[in-house]
Amino acid sequence: MREIDSQEYTDWMAYFAIEPFGERVADMRMGMLAATMANIHRNPKTTPAAYEPAAFIPWAFEAPKSIEFPDPKDQARFVALAVFGVDLAAHKGKRKRFVVKRKNHG
């Protein structure tokens, strides 16, 4: 299956809205299991508060960090490296320019 049509994509989006699936949901499910196991085996005298599932989900407390650089060139270099895997500084000065000459058919 290489592609789906718009109707099928819309159906999958509707299904996901009703019943989410994927790794984030699996992480939440495992967090509930880990919290249950930790609460079964915790000592209420030393740890009075019950464990919450979020304590076992690594991304639950992480806020997305914005990485910004004061120099726009540094920002462009970072984006090129992160998205395309290309270090612009390594290619500086090695850029080849091609000129295409068109024949005049007139």
Protein backbone atom coordinates (compact mmCIF):
# COMPACT_ATOMS: atom_id res chain seq x y z
CA MET A 1 0.00 0.00 0.00
CA ARG A 2 1.77 3.11 -1.19
CA GLU A 3 -0.93 5.72 -1.00
CA ILE A 4 -4.40 6.34 0.29
CA ASP A 5 -7.08 8.60 -1.00
CA SER A 6 -8.53 11.61 0.80
CA GLN A 7 -11.58 9.70 2.04
CA GLU A 8 -9.51 6.94 3.66
CA TYR A 9 -7.17 9.51 5.24
CA THR A 10 -10.18 11.36 6.67
CA ASP A 11 -11.55 8.09 8.03
CA TRP A 12 -8.24 7.34 9.78
CA MET A 13 -8.20 10.85 11.28
CA ALA A 14 -11.73 10.36 12.61
CA TYR A 15 -10.80 6.96 14.05
CA PHE A 16 -7.71 8.44 15.73
CA ALA A 17 -9.88 11.17 17.31
CA ILE A 18 -12.10 8.47 18.84
CA GLU A 19 -9.46 5.86 19.69
CA PRO A 20 -5.87 7.22 19.65
CA PHE A 21 -3.10 4.83 18.70
CA GLY A 22 0.67 4.97 18.31
CA GLU A 23 3.74 5.14 20.53
CA ARG A 24 2.55 8.02 22.72
CA VAL A 25 -0.53 6.03 23.70
CA ALA A 26 1.65 2.97 24.31
CA ASP A 27 3.87 5.11 26.58
CA MET A 28 0.82 6.19 28.58
CA ARG A 29 -0.36 2.60 28.86
CA MET A 30 3.05 1.46 30.13
CA GLY A 31 3.12 4.44 32.52
CA MET A 32 -0.12 3.20 34.07
CA LEU A 33 1.31 -0.29 34.43
CA ALA A 34 4.58 0.99 35.93
CA ALA A 35 2.70 3.24 38.39
CA THR A 36 0.51 0.32 39.44
CA MET A 37 3.54 -1.90 40.06
CA ALA A 38 5.38 0.88 41.91
CA ASN A 39 2.34 1.57 44.11
CA ILE A 40 1.96 -2.12 44.94
CA HIS A 41 5.58 -2.31 46.11
CA ARG A 42 6.03 1.13 47.68
CA ASN A 43 6.37 1.64 51.41
CA PRO A 44 3.55 4.01 52.47
CA LYS A 45 5.63 5.16 55.46
CA THR A 46 8.62 6.31 53.39
CA THR A 47 6.64 7.26 50.28
CA PRO A 48 3.17 8.40 51.38
CA ALA A 49 2.10 9.84 48.02
CA ALA A 50 1.05 7.39 45.35
CA TYR A 51 2.99 7.29 42.09
CA GLU A 52 1.27 8.77 39.05
CA PRO A 53 1.63 7.33 35.53
CA ALA A 54 3.25 10.58 34.36
CA ALA A 55 6.22 9.87 36.64
CA PHE A 56 7.11 6.96 34.33
CA ILE A 57 6.55 8.69 31.00
CA PRO A 58 9.76 10.47 29.91
CA TRP A 59 8.08 13.07 27.71
CA ALA A 60 5.24 13.90 30.13
CA PHE A 61 7.07 16.76 31.84
CA GLU A 62 9.31 17.87 29.00
CA ALA A 63 8.34 21.11 27.33
CA PRO A 64 9.59 21.52 23.78
CA LYS A 65 12.73 23.61 23.81
CA SER A 66 13.12 26.33 21.25
CA ILE A 67 16.63 26.59 19.90
CA GLU A 68 17.35 30.02 18.54
CA PHE A 69 20.60 31.70 17.61
CA PRO A 70 21.23 35.45 17.60
CA ASP A 71 22.98 35.25 14.21
CA PRO A 72 20.70 34.22 11.32
CA LYS A 73 23.62 32.42 9.64
CA ASP A 74 24.08 30.21 12.71
CA GLN A 75 20.34 29.52 12.73
CA ALA A 76 20.45 28.52 9.04
CA ARG A 77 23.45 26.27 9.68
CA PHE A 78 21.63 24.56 12.57
CA VAL A 79 18.47 23.99 10.52
CA ALA A 80 20.43 22.62 7.55
CA LEU A 81 22.30 20.22 9.83
CA ALA A 82 19.21 19.11 11.78
CA VAL A 83 16.85 18.72 8.83
CA PHE A 84 19.11 17.80 5.92
CA GLY A 85 22.25 16.53 7.65
CA VAL A 86 24.34 19.10 5.78
CA ASP A 87 26.98 21.21 7.50
CA LEU A 88 26.94 24.50 5.63
CA ALA A 89 30.27 25.59 7.12
CA ALA A 90 31.98 22.50 5.69
CA HIS A 91 30.74 23.41 2.21
CA LYS A 92 31.57 27.10 2.40
CA GLY A 93 33.73 28.16 -0.53
CA LYS A 94 33.29 24.80 -2.28
CA ARG A 95 30.11 25.77 -4.02
CA LYS A 96 30.06 25.18 -7.75
CA ARG A 97 28.04 27.43 -9.94
CA PHE A 98 26.67 26.21 -13.21
CA VAL A 99 25.72 28.49 -16.05
CA VAL A 100 23.34 27.17 -18.65
CA LYS A 101 23.67 28.82 -22.02
CA ARG A 102 20.57 28.75 -24.12
CA LYS A 103 20.65 28.83 -27.85
CA ASN A 104 18.75 31.61 -29.49
CA HIS A 105 16.23 30.09 -31.91
CA GLY A 106 15.26 33.35 -33.39
